[in-house]
Protein backbone atom coordinates (compact mmCIF):
# COMPACT_ATOMS: atom_id res chain seq x y z
CA UNK A 1 198.57 41.45 -56.47
CA UNK A 2 195.45 42.91 -54.94
CA UNK A 3 195.42 46.13 -52.94
CA UNK A 4 194.50 44.17 -49.80
CA UNK A 5 197.54 41.92 -50.18
CA UNK A 6 199.75 44.95 -50.75
CA UNK A 7 198.42 46.61 -47.60
CA UNK A 8 198.99 43.41 -45.62
CA UNK A 9 202.60 43.38 -46.79
CA UNK A 10 203.05 47.02 -45.82
CA UNK A 11 201.40 46.47 -42.44
CA UNK A 12 203.63 43.47 -41.74
CA UNK A 13 206.75 45.33 -42.86
CA UNK A 14 205.95 48.26 -40.58
CA UNK A 15 206.09 45.88 -37.62
CA UNK A 16 209.73 45.03 -38.38
CA UNK A 17 212.63 46.77 -36.63
CA UNK A 18 213.78 50.01 -38.26
CA UNK A 19 217.09 48.57 -39.47
CA UNK A 20 215.32 45.70 -41.22
CA UNK A 21 212.80 48.10 -42.82
CA UNK A 22 215.66 50.28 -44.06
CA UNK A 23 217.39 47.26 -45.59
CA UNK A 24 214.18 46.14 -47.32
CA UNK A 25 213.54 49.67 -48.59
CA UNK A 26 217.06 49.81 -50.00
CA UNK A 27 216.60 46.48 -51.76
CA UNK A 28 213.27 47.58 -53.23
CA UNK A 29 214.75 50.84 -54.52
CA UNK A 30 217.67 48.97 -56.08
CA UNK A 31 215.19 46.68 -57.86
CA UNK A 32 213.67 49.57 -59.84
CA UNK A 33 214.61 49.96 -63.47
CA UNK A 34 217.16 52.69 -64.25
CA UNK A 35 214.41 54.78 -65.85
CA UNK A 36 212.27 54.53 -62.72
CA UNK A 37 215.26 55.38 -60.55
CA UNK A 38 215.97 58.55 -62.54
CA UNK A 39 212.34 59.63 -62.21
CA UNK A 40 212.43 58.76 -58.49
CA UNK A 41 215.68 60.70 -57.99
CA UNK A 42 214.30 63.72 -59.82
CA UNK A 43 211.13 63.69 -57.72
CA UNK A 44 213.13 63.43 -54.49
CA UNK A 45 215.45 66.22 -55.60
CA UNK A 46 212.44 68.44 -56.28
CA UNK A 47 210.91 67.55 -52.92
CA UNK A 48 214.15 68.24 -51.08
CA UNK A 49 214.50 71.58 -52.83
CA UNK A 50 210.91 72.46 -51.88
CA UNK A 51 211.57 71.58 -48.24
CA UNK A 52 214.79 73.60 -48.10
CA UNK A 53 213.02 76.60 -49.62
CA UNK A 54 210.19 76.23 -47.11
CA UNK A 55 212.67 76.07 -44.24
CA UNK A 56 214.58 79.11 -45.46
CA UNK A 57 211.36 81.10 -45.71
CA UNK A 58 210.27 80.16 -42.18
CA UNK A 59 213.07 78.53 -40.15
CA UNK A 60 211.12 78.86 -36.89
CA UNK A 61 208.56 76.38 -38.18
CA UNK A 62 211.10 73.52 -38.25
CA UNK A 63 210.58 70.50 -36.02
CA UNK A 64 213.29 68.05 -34.99
CA UNK A 65 213.15 64.41 -36.06
CA UNK A 66 212.72 63.36 -32.42
CA UNK A 67 209.72 65.67 -32.07
CA UNK A 68 208.15 64.30 -35.25
CA UNK A 69 208.56 60.73 -34.00
CA UNK A 70 206.87 61.65 -30.71
CA UNK A 71 203.87 63.04 -32.61
CA UNK A 72 203.19 59.83 -34.50
């Protein structure tokens, strides 16, 4: 699949309602091989740990989810 086709799929998916996008994302994640899932889980765990550490170092810098959505 070419990069253009992939981007078209992503662009189309982003136009879907949030609940539908969440369901599709869940299905895509479940389709990954167990090895990929472990790597994915480890990367997310590391990212979450980094974010928690960042927040603990500077809690005043936090922004609510609603504020983030307004910015985009």
